[in-house]
Amino acid sequence: MHLEDFPLSHVFHLLEAGPVVLVTTFDGSRPNVMALCWQTMLDFDPPLVGLVVAAGDYSQAALRKYRECVIAVPGADLIEKVVDVGSCSGRSIDKFAKFGLTPLPAEKVRAPLVGECLANIECRVVDDSLADSYEMFVVEGVRAWSNPARTERRMFHACGTGRFVIDGELRDLSSRMANDMA
């Protein structure tokens, strides 16, 4: 499996639209993966992302203790696998093995990349002051990867109660945008 370097200054292109993502953590003994649909871009360069990870989630303890994670962006062909990942806890099972996901070593964090995903963003927690009140962690992307071998490039978005929308047709209107917007 071959991943290519991806510019950190372009991470917002992956997340701005708010797709469902996978978040991996490492608890000191083994990796875990969870599904997440509550994230938002906060800044662009360096990329800062707000992640809402519930207090009861197994991954929150690892985020608090080790202050690292990977945000992995799955393609629409992984939608059922992602829902299954999000429907169980990693406290008692290895979700990578159970759902056939490939953990790959990251370069700057202990949490693994997810080989099957379109992109992976290695992150460090830079602010957890809202974790107690709002379950929000602000993470900074420190390394990003894309997977050019993926043929399914569409992402998907949660609509609540188990319903999802898969990205449709791409319309490139970049020529209409001002280049010097402040």
Protein backbone atom coordinates (compact mmCIF):
# COMPACT_ATOMS: atom_id res chain seq x y z
CA MET A 1 0.00 0.00 0.00
CA HIS A 2 1.46 3.36 -1.02
CA LEU A 3 0.47 6.70 0.48
CA GLU A 4 1.69 10.05 -0.80
CA ASP A 5 2.60 13.18 1.08
CA PHE A 6 -0.33 15.60 1.32
CA PRO A 7 0.13 19.32 2.03
CA LEU A 8 -1.04 20.32 5.51
CA SER A 9 -2.19 23.67 4.12
CA HIS A 10 -4.83 21.78 2.08
CA VAL A 11 -6.28 19.67 4.90
CA PHE A 12 -9.33 21.97 5.05
CA HIS A 13 -10.30 20.72 1.58
CA LEU A 14 -10.75 17.28 3.15
CA LEU A 15 -12.77 18.37 6.17
CA GLU A 16 -14.52 21.64 5.42
CA ALA A 17 -17.64 19.94 4.10
CA GLY A 18 -17.94 17.90 7.29
CA PRO A 19 -17.77 14.29 6.10
CA VAL A 20 -18.07 11.35 8.48
CA VAL A 21 -14.52 10.45 9.51
CA LEU A 22 -12.71 7.78 11.46
CA VAL A 23 -10.57 8.87 14.40
CA THR A 24 -7.80 6.60 15.62
CA THR A 25 -6.14 6.80 19.02
CA PHE A 26 -3.57 4.81 20.97
CA ASP A 27 -4.18 4.02 24.65
CA GLY A 28 -0.62 3.01 25.51
CA SER A 29 -1.10 -0.66 24.66
CA ARG A 30 -3.20 -0.85 21.48
CA PRO A 31 -4.81 1.33 18.83
CA ASN A 32 -8.51 2.05 18.56
CA VAL A 33 -10.74 3.50 15.85
CA MET A 34 -14.07 5.29 16.18
CA ALA A 35 -16.52 6.88 13.74
CA LEU A 36 -17.09 10.63 14.13
CA CYS A 37 -19.40 13.08 12.42
CA TRP A 38 -18.93 16.04 14.77
CA GLN A 39 -15.84 17.88 13.59
CA THR A 40 -15.20 21.30 12.16
CA MET A 41 -12.34 23.23 10.63
CA LEU A 42 -11.26 26.07 12.92
CA ASP A 43 -8.21 27.38 11.04
CA PHE A 44 -6.31 26.52 7.88
CA ASP A 45 -2.51 26.77 8.19
CA PRO A 46 -1.71 25.06 10.39
CA PRO A 47 -4.95 23.12 10.16
CA LEU A 48 -6.92 23.23 13.41
CA VAL A 49 -9.93 20.97 13.78
CA GLY A 50 -12.53 20.82 16.55
CA LEU A 51 -13.51 17.23 17.41
CA VAL A 52 -16.45 16.41 19.65
CA VAL A 53 -15.70 13.09 21.36
CA ALA A 54 -18.20 12.03 24.02
CA ALA A 55 -16.99 11.48 27.57
CA GLY A 56 -18.26 7.90 27.53
CA ASP A 57 -16.30 7.02 24.40
CA TYR A 58 -13.26 4.82 24.91
CA SER A 59 -11.27 7.14 22.63
CA GLN A 60 -11.75 10.19 24.84
CA ALA A 61 -9.54 8.79 27.60
CA ALA A 62 -6.72 8.18 25.09
CA LEU A 63 -7.14 11.70 23.65
CA ARG A 64 -6.90 13.20 27.13
CA LYS A 65 -3.90 11.11 28.20
CA TYR A 66 -1.77 10.91 25.03
CA ARG A 67 -3.07 14.06 23.28
CA GLU A 68 -2.78 12.53 19.79
CA CYS A 69 -5.02 11.05 17.13
CA VAL A 70 -5.40 10.50 13.41
CA ILE A 71 -8.39 11.78 11.45
CA ALA A 72 -8.96 9.34 8.58
CA VAL A 73 -11.34 10.27 5.74
CA PRO A 74 -13.16 7.20 4.34
CA GLY A 75 -14.66 6.89 0.88
CA ALA A 76 -18.34 6.14 0.35
CA ASP A 77 -17.53 2.48 -0.34
CA LEU A 78 -16.62 2.12 3.35
CA ILE A 79 -19.95 3.50 4.65
CA GLU A 80 -21.23 0.19 6.11
CA LYS A 81 -17.87 -0.59 7.71
CA VAL A 82 -17.74 2.92 9.24
CA VAL A 83 -21.26 2.57 10.66
CA ASP A 84 -20.27 -0.80 12.16
CA VAL A 85 -17.11 0.73 13.68
CA GLY A 86 -19.27 3.43 15.24
CA SER A 87 -21.77 0.93 16.61
CA CYS A 88 -19.45 -0.76 19.09
CA SER A 89 -16.80 0.12 21.66
CA GLY A 90 -13.08 -0.58 21.40
CA ARG A 91 -12.90 -1.27 25.13
CA SER A 92 -13.29 -4.98 24.59
CA ILE A 93 -12.51 -5.60 20.90
CA ASP A 94 -9.87 -4.79 18.33
CA LYS A 95 -11.97 -2.89 15.81
CA PHE A 96 -9.19 -2.86 13.21
CA ALA A 97 -9.20 -6.68 13.16
CA LYS A 98 -12.97 -7.07 13.53
CA PHE A 99 -13.77 -4.78 10.59
CA GLY A 100 -10.80 -5.54 8.35
CA LEU A 101 -9.12 -2.15 8.54
CA THR A 102 -5.38 -1.81 8.01
CA PRO A 103 -3.51 0.15 10.69
CA LEU A 104 -0.42 1.78 9.19
CA PRO A 105 2.33 3.48 11.19
CA ALA A 106 2.07 7.25 11.42
CA GLU A 107 5.15 9.42 11.30
CA LYS A 108 4.49 11.94 14.07
CA VAL A 109 1.91 10.33 16.38
CA ARG A 110 1.38 6.89 17.97
CA ALA A 111 -2.18 6.48 16.65
CA PRO A 112 -2.24 4.58 13.33
CA LEU A 113 -3.26 5.71 9.87
CA VAL A 114 -6.13 3.78 8.24
CA GLY A 115 -4.85 2.28 4.98
CA GLU A 116 -8.26 2.02 3.31
CA CYS A 117 -9.08 5.72 3.70
CA LEU A 118 -8.80 8.52 1.14
CA ALA A 119 -6.64 10.60 3.46
CA ASN A 120 -5.18 10.56 6.96
CA ILE A 121 -4.28 13.57 9.11
CA GLU A 122 -1.93 13.04 12.03
CA CYS A 123 -2.99 15.38 14.85
CA ARG A 124 -1.97 16.58 18.28
CA VAL A 125 -4.36 18.02 20.85
CA VAL A 126 -3.56 21.72 21.30
CA ASP A 127 -6.56 22.70 23.43
CA ASP A 128 -8.80 20.57 25.63
CA SER A 129 -10.24 23.43 27.69
CA LEU A 130 -13.71 22.73 26.23
CA ALA A 131 -13.56 18.96 26.80
CA ASP A 132 -15.24 19.01 30.20
CA SER A 133 -17.99 21.43 29.13
CA TYR A 134 -18.56 20.53 25.49
CA GLU A 135 -16.56 17.33 24.89
CA MET A 136 -14.57 19.30 22.28
CA PHE A 137 -10.89 18.89 21.58
CA VAL A 138 -8.97 21.22 19.29
CA VAL A 139 -6.37 19.27 17.33
CA GLU A 140 -3.65 20.51 15.02
CA GLY A 141 -2.73 18.60 11.89
CA VAL A 142 1.01 17.86 11.96
CA ARG A 143 1.25 15.53 8.94
CA ALA A 144 -1.24 14.55 6.25
CA TRP A 145 -1.40 11.72 3.73
CA SER A 146 -3.55 10.96 0.71
CA ASN A 147 -4.12 7.58 -0.90
CA PRO A 148 -3.97 7.96 -4.71
CA ALA A 149 -4.86 4.29 -5.25
CA ARG A 150 -8.42 4.81 -3.99
CA THR A 151 -10.89 4.72 -6.88
CA GLU A 152 -13.94 5.71 -4.79
CA ARG A 153 -13.32 9.39 -4.03
CA ARG A 154 -16.77 10.37 -2.77
CA MET A 155 -17.24 11.07 0.93
CA PHE A 156 -20.42 10.79 2.98
CA HIS A 157 -22.20 12.92 5.53
CA ALA A 158 -24.39 12.01 8.48
CA CYS A 159 -27.98 13.21 8.50
CA GLY A 160 -28.81 11.68 11.89
CA THR A 161 -30.54 8.49 12.99
CA GLY A 162 -28.53 6.24 10.69
CA ARG A 163 -29.14 8.20 7.47
CA PHE A 164 -26.31 9.46 5.26
CA VAL A 165 -25.82 11.49 2.11
CA ILE A 166 -23.09 10.51 -0.32
CA ASP A 167 -21.33 13.30 -2.20
CA GLY A 168 -22.55 13.73 -5.74
CA GLU A 169 -21.34 15.59 -8.79
CA LEU A 170 -18.39 17.95 -8.37
CA ARG A 171 -18.79 21.38 -9.95
CA ASP A 172 -15.54 23.33 -10.27
CA LEU A 173 -16.26 27.05 -9.92
CA SER A 174 -12.77 28.00 -8.77
CA SER A 175 -12.35 30.39 -11.72
CA ARG A 176 -15.19 32.51 -10.30
CA MET A 177 -13.57 32.97 -6.89
CA ALA A 178 -11.48 35.99 -5.95
CA ASN A 179 -7.85 35.09 -5.30
CA ASP A 180 -7.20 37.99 -2.92
CA MET A 181 -10.06 37.53 -0.46
CA ALA A 182 -9.11 38.64 3.03
